[in-house]
């Protein structure tokens, strides 16, 4: 089989399955594993995929900046935000991660609900200005791309709290690679919050399914649930049905 044919097959398989396992593909094609690994290395250098131990994953698309993300799929995000807000009960302590989708949760919460909202995002905190909720804003070094605090100060503050619900923001949701994001320090913050939460949920916009960003936060099975849009394709959701709850918005 020619190199171009192998690469075309690898690209097609990656699009279909969301991952390549080098040994499995080599056995299927009757080729050496070294041949497949070499193809994957070269394709990674060319920016066609992302190499991981034992194979490859699709590239997660680069995120636009925070201001640009506010205009993306706004109706869908509002619907997810309203469904997530329905999970919040009076008297609970809730941690809202940063991001434009989680901002819709803050907007959807009843203004007279007595609840404690903790966040490390100044933009999320600002959304709650006119709410009766108690708002606790955790500080640190501002990561401007996501408009959230990061660093040792942030982690230390997080370790002093316990929350009922954590709404986690991610850039990739993958059955094998789990939940991921694109910044190393932000990953540590997200993991620390999840460790302090009784339940963690992700508001899942369709483009995140099958994507894997460089830094893994946790497995999908550690979630209490994925909040998904009703029109998300069934094949995108099928790998997750046995490992967490799917809450339809």
Protein backbone atom coordinates (compact mmCIF):
# COMPACT_ATOMS: atom_id res chain seq x y z
CA UNK A 1 0.00 0.00 0.00
CA UNK A 2 1.36 3.40 -0.98
CA UNK A 3 2.08 6.04 1.64
CA UNK A 4 -0.64 8.34 0.24
CA UNK A 5 -3.16 5.50 0.45
CA UNK A 6 -2.24 4.74 4.05
CA UNK A 7 -2.54 8.39 5.03
CA UNK A 8 -5.91 8.73 3.34
CA UNK A 9 -7.12 5.66 5.25
CA UNK A 10 -5.75 7.03 8.52
CA UNK A 11 -7.54 10.36 7.97
CA UNK A 12 -10.81 8.62 7.11
CA UNK A 13 -10.57 6.31 10.14
CA UNK A 14 -9.79 9.23 12.43
CA UNK A 15 -12.84 11.10 11.18
CA UNK A 16 -15.04 8.02 11.63
CA UNK A 17 -13.79 6.64 14.98
CA UNK A 18 -12.26 9.69 16.65
CA UNK A 19 -8.99 7.85 17.32
CA UNK A 20 -6.31 5.64 15.81
CA UNK A 21 -4.74 2.73 17.70
CA UNK A 22 -1.48 2.01 15.87
CA UNK A 23 -1.29 -1.71 16.65
CA UNK A 24 -4.93 -2.36 15.75
CA UNK A 25 -4.65 -0.56 12.42
CA UNK A 26 -1.34 -2.25 11.61
CA UNK A 27 -2.84 -5.70 12.25
CA UNK A 28 -5.89 -4.85 10.17
CA UNK A 29 -3.79 -3.73 7.19
CA UNK A 30 -1.15 -6.44 7.53
CA UNK A 31 1.59 -3.85 8.05
CA UNK A 32 4.24 -3.36 10.72
CA UNK A 33 3.33 -1.19 13.66
CA UNK A 34 6.48 0.86 12.98
CA UNK A 35 5.10 1.78 9.55
CA UNK A 36 1.87 3.10 11.02
CA UNK A 37 3.68 4.92 13.80
CA UNK A 38 5.94 6.59 11.24
CA UNK A 39 2.91 7.73 9.25
CA UNK A 40 1.33 9.14 12.42
CA UNK A 41 4.52 10.99 13.38
CA UNK A 42 4.82 12.57 9.95
CA UNK A 43 1.13 13.51 9.84
CA UNK A 44 1.45 15.08 13.29
CA UNK A 45 4.39 17.20 12.11
CA UNK A 46 2.25 18.36 9.20
CA UNK A 47 -0.54 19.35 11.60
CA UNK A 48 -2.99 16.69 10.41
CA UNK A 49 -3.53 14.93 13.76
CA UNK A 50 -2.26 14.77 17.34
CA UNK A 51 0.00 11.95 18.43
CA UNK A 52 -0.73 10.22 21.74
CA UNK A 53 0.73 7.11 23.33
CA UNK A 54 -0.20 4.15 21.15
CA UNK A 55 -1.85 6.09 18.35
CA UNK A 56 -3.41 9.42 17.42
CA UNK A 57 -6.40 11.71 17.99
CA UNK A 58 -7.99 14.44 15.90
CA UNK A 59 -6.76 17.95 16.40
CA UNK A 60 -9.00 20.04 18.61
CA UNK A 61 -9.78 23.24 16.70
CA UNK A 62 -8.11 26.33 18.18
CA UNK A 63 -10.48 28.40 20.28
CA UNK A 64 -11.18 32.00 19.31
CA UNK A 65 -10.64 34.60 22.00
CA UNK A 66 -13.22 35.17 24.73
CA UNK A 67 -14.97 38.08 23.01
CA UNK A 68 -15.39 36.10 19.79
CA UNK A 69 -16.69 33.02 21.63
CA UNK A 70 -19.54 35.04 23.14
CA UNK A 71 -21.20 35.20 19.70
CA UNK A 72 -20.82 31.50 18.83
CA UNK A 73 -23.95 29.29 19.02
CA UNK A 74 -25.55 31.68 21.51
CA UNK A 75 -29.07 30.18 21.25
CA UNK A 76 -27.77 26.67 21.88
CA UNK A 77 -25.71 27.85 24.86
CA UNK A 78 -28.74 29.61 26.35
CA UNK A 79 -30.73 26.40 26.13
CA UNK A 80 -27.97 24.40 27.83
CA UNK A 81 -27.60 27.11 30.46
CA UNK A 82 -31.31 27.03 31.30
CA UNK A 83 -31.25 23.24 31.67
CA UNK A 84 -28.20 23.42 33.93
CA UNK A 85 -29.82 26.11 36.07
CA UNK A 86 -32.76 23.75 36.65
CA UNK A 87 -30.36 21.43 38.53
CA UNK A 88 -29.54 24.12 41.10
CA UNK A 89 -31.63 24.11 44.27
CA UNK A 90 -32.01 26.86 46.91
CA UNK A 91 -29.40 26.66 49.65
CA UNK A 92 -26.79 24.89 47.54
CA UNK A 93 -23.20 25.95 46.98
CA UNK A 94 -22.35 25.95 43.28
CA UNK A 95 -19.04 26.53 41.52
CA UNK A 96 -19.28 28.02 38.03
CA UNK A 97 -16.22 27.55 35.84
CA UNK A 98 -15.42 30.27 33.34
CA UNK A 99 -16.62 30.36 29.75
CA UNK A 100 -19.42 31.72 27.63
CA UNK A 101 -21.61 28.63 28.03
CA UNK A 102 -21.40 28.70 31.82
CA UNK A 103 -22.24 32.40 31.75
CA UNK A 104 -25.66 31.33 30.49
CA UNK A 105 -26.19 29.38 33.72
CA UNK A 106 -25.69 32.56 35.74
CA UNK A 107 -28.13 34.43 33.50
CA UNK A 108 -30.73 31.65 33.81
CA UNK A 109 -30.71 31.39 37.61
CA UNK A 110 -33.77 32.98 39.23
CA UNK A 111 -32.73 36.36 40.61
CA UNK A 112 -34.43 35.72 43.94
CA UNK A 113 -32.88 32.27 44.51
CA UNK A 114 -30.92 32.00 47.75
CA UNK A 115 -27.82 30.14 46.67
CA UNK A 116 -24.06 30.54 47.02
CA UNK A 117 -22.15 30.87 43.76
CA UNK A 118 -18.37 30.51 43.82
CA UNK A 119 -16.35 31.32 40.72
CA UNK A 120 -12.82 32.26 39.68
CA UNK A 121 -14.18 34.16 36.67
CA UNK A 122 -14.80 37.91 37.04
CA UNK A 123 -17.10 37.84 34.01
CA UNK A 124 -19.28 35.16 35.64
CA UNK A 125 -19.35 37.10 38.92
CA UNK A 126 -20.48 40.24 37.06
CA UNK A 127 -23.45 38.36 35.61
CA UNK A 128 -24.77 37.88 39.17
CA UNK A 129 -24.70 41.54 40.18
CA UNK A 130 -28.50 41.83 40.44
CA UNK A 131 -29.10 38.38 41.96
CA UNK A 132 -29.85 37.63 45.60
CA UNK A 133 -27.20 34.90 45.45
CA UNK A 134 -24.15 35.11 47.68
CA UNK A 135 -21.21 35.46 45.28
CA UNK A 136 -17.66 34.46 46.19
CA UNK A 137 -14.98 35.45 43.67
CA UNK A 138 -11.68 33.56 43.92
CA UNK A 139 -8.62 35.49 42.78
CA UNK A 140 -5.24 34.75 41.25
CA UNK A 141 -3.38 35.43 38.01
CA UNK A 142 -5.89 36.27 35.27
CA UNK A 143 -5.74 33.92 32.29
CA UNK A 144 -7.24 36.35 29.78
CA UNK A 145 -8.08 33.81 27.09
CA UNK A 146 -10.71 32.24 29.36
CA UNK A 147 -11.10 35.15 31.80
CA UNK A 148 -10.42 32.99 34.86
CA UNK A 149 -7.94 33.12 37.74
CA UNK A 150 -5.11 30.59 37.83
CA UNK A 151 -2.03 29.89 39.92
CA UNK A 152 -1.08 28.67 43.38
CA UNK A 153 -3.22 31.28 45.17
CA UNK A 154 -6.29 30.09 43.29
CA UNK A 155 -5.63 26.42 44.07
CA UNK A 156 -5.08 27.18 47.77
CA UNK A 157 -8.43 28.97 47.99
CA UNK A 158 -10.25 26.17 46.17
CA UNK A 159 -8.93 23.59 48.63
CA UNK A 160 -10.71 25.41 51.47
CA UNK A 161 -14.20 24.95 50.02
CA UNK A 162 -16.74 22.20 49.39
CA UNK A 163 -19.43 22.57 46.75
CA UNK A 164 -22.59 20.69 45.86
CA UNK A 165 -22.32 21.18 42.10
CA UNK A 166 -19.44 22.14 39.81
CA UNK A 167 -20.24 23.17 36.25
CA UNK A 168 -16.99 22.36 34.45
CA UNK A 169 -15.95 24.01 31.19
CA UNK A 170 -13.98 21.89 28.68
CA UNK A 171 -12.82 22.12 25.06
CA UNK A 172 -12.78 18.39 24.32
CA UNK A 173 -14.95 15.38 25.22
CA UNK A 174 -13.52 12.04 24.10
CA UNK A 175 -14.48 8.47 25.12
CA UNK A 176 -10.86 7.38 25.53
CA UNK A 177 -9.05 10.63 26.40
CA UNK A 178 -11.77 12.00 28.65
CA UNK A 179 -12.41 15.69 29.30
CA UNK A 180 -9.67 18.07 28.27
CA UNK A 181 -8.67 21.68 27.74
CA UNK A 182 -5.89 23.62 26.08
CA UNK A 183 -4.00 25.26 28.97
CA UNK A 184 -1.83 23.39 31.47
CA UNK A 185 -2.45 25.66 34.48
CA UNK A 186 -6.17 25.88 33.80
CA UNK A 187 -6.33 22.08 33.79
CA UNK A 188 -4.92 21.96 37.33
CA UNK A 189 -7.53 24.47 38.51
CA UNK A 190 -10.40 22.50 36.97
CA UNK A 191 -9.17 19.25 38.51
CA UNK A 192 -8.85 20.90 41.93
CA UNK A 193 -12.43 22.19 41.80
CA UNK A 194 -13.79 18.80 40.71
CA UNK A 195 -12.03 17.21 43.69
CA UNK A 196 -14.00 19.51 46.01
CA UNK A 197 -17.40 18.94 44.37
CA UNK A 198 -20.08 16.39 45.20
CA UNK A 199 -21.26 16.40 41.57
CA UNK A 200 -19.64 17.70 38.40
CA UNK A 201 -21.52 18.45 35.18
CA UNK A 202 -20.38 19.56 31.73
CA UNK A 203 -22.50 21.61 29.33
CA UNK A 204 -21.59 19.89 26.06
CA UNK A 205 -21.90 21.77 22.79
CA UNK A 206 -21.85 19.36 19.81
CA UNK A 207 -18.47 20.35 18.36
CA UNK A 208 -16.66 19.20 21.52
CA UNK A 209 -17.61 15.52 21.12
CA UNK A 210 -14.75 13.41 19.78
CA UNK A 211 -12.22 16.23 20.29
CA UNK A 212 -9.19 15.97 22.57
CA UNK A 213 -7.20 18.99 23.70
CA UNK A 214 -3.62 18.62 24.97
CA UNK A 215 -4.34 18.51 28.72
CA UNK A 216 -6.61 15.94 30.33
CA UNK A 217 -8.80 16.98 33.26
CA UNK A 218 -10.68 13.80 34.17
CA UNK A 219 -12.56 10.88 32.67
CA UNK A 220 -16.16 11.18 31.50
CA UNK A 221 -17.16 8.46 33.99
CA UNK A 222 -16.27 10.80 36.88
CA UNK A 223 -19.06 13.17 35.88
CA UNK A 224 -22.54 13.22 37.36
CA UNK A 225 -23.74 14.04 33.86
CA UNK A 226 -23.33 15.66 30.46
CA UNK A 227 -25.91 18.32 29.60
CA UNK A 228 -26.48 17.94 25.86
CA UNK A 229 -28.60 19.58 23.19
CA UNK A 230 -31.60 17.56 22.00
CA UNK A 231 -30.36 17.73 18.41
CA UNK A 232 -26.90 16.30 19.12
CA UNK A 233 -26.43 13.32 16.75
CA UNK A 234 -27.06 9.96 18.41
CA UNK A 235 -23.75 8.58 17.13
CA UNK A 236 -21.87 11.39 18.89
CA UNK A 237 -23.53 10.50 22.21
CA UNK A 238 -23.42 6.70 21.99
CA UNK A 239 -19.89 6.26 23.48
CA UNK A 240 -20.99 8.04 26.66
CA UNK A 241 -24.36 6.44 27.42
CA UNK A 242 -22.88 3.73 29.65
CA UNK A 243 -20.46 5.92 31.60
CA UNK A 244 -22.48 8.98 32.69
CA UNK A 245 -25.96 10.48 32.69
CA UNK A 246 -27.06 12.36 29.57
CA UNK A 247 -29.30 15.28 30.48
CA UNK A 248 -31.12 16.62 27.44
CA UNK A 249 -31.82 20.33 26.99
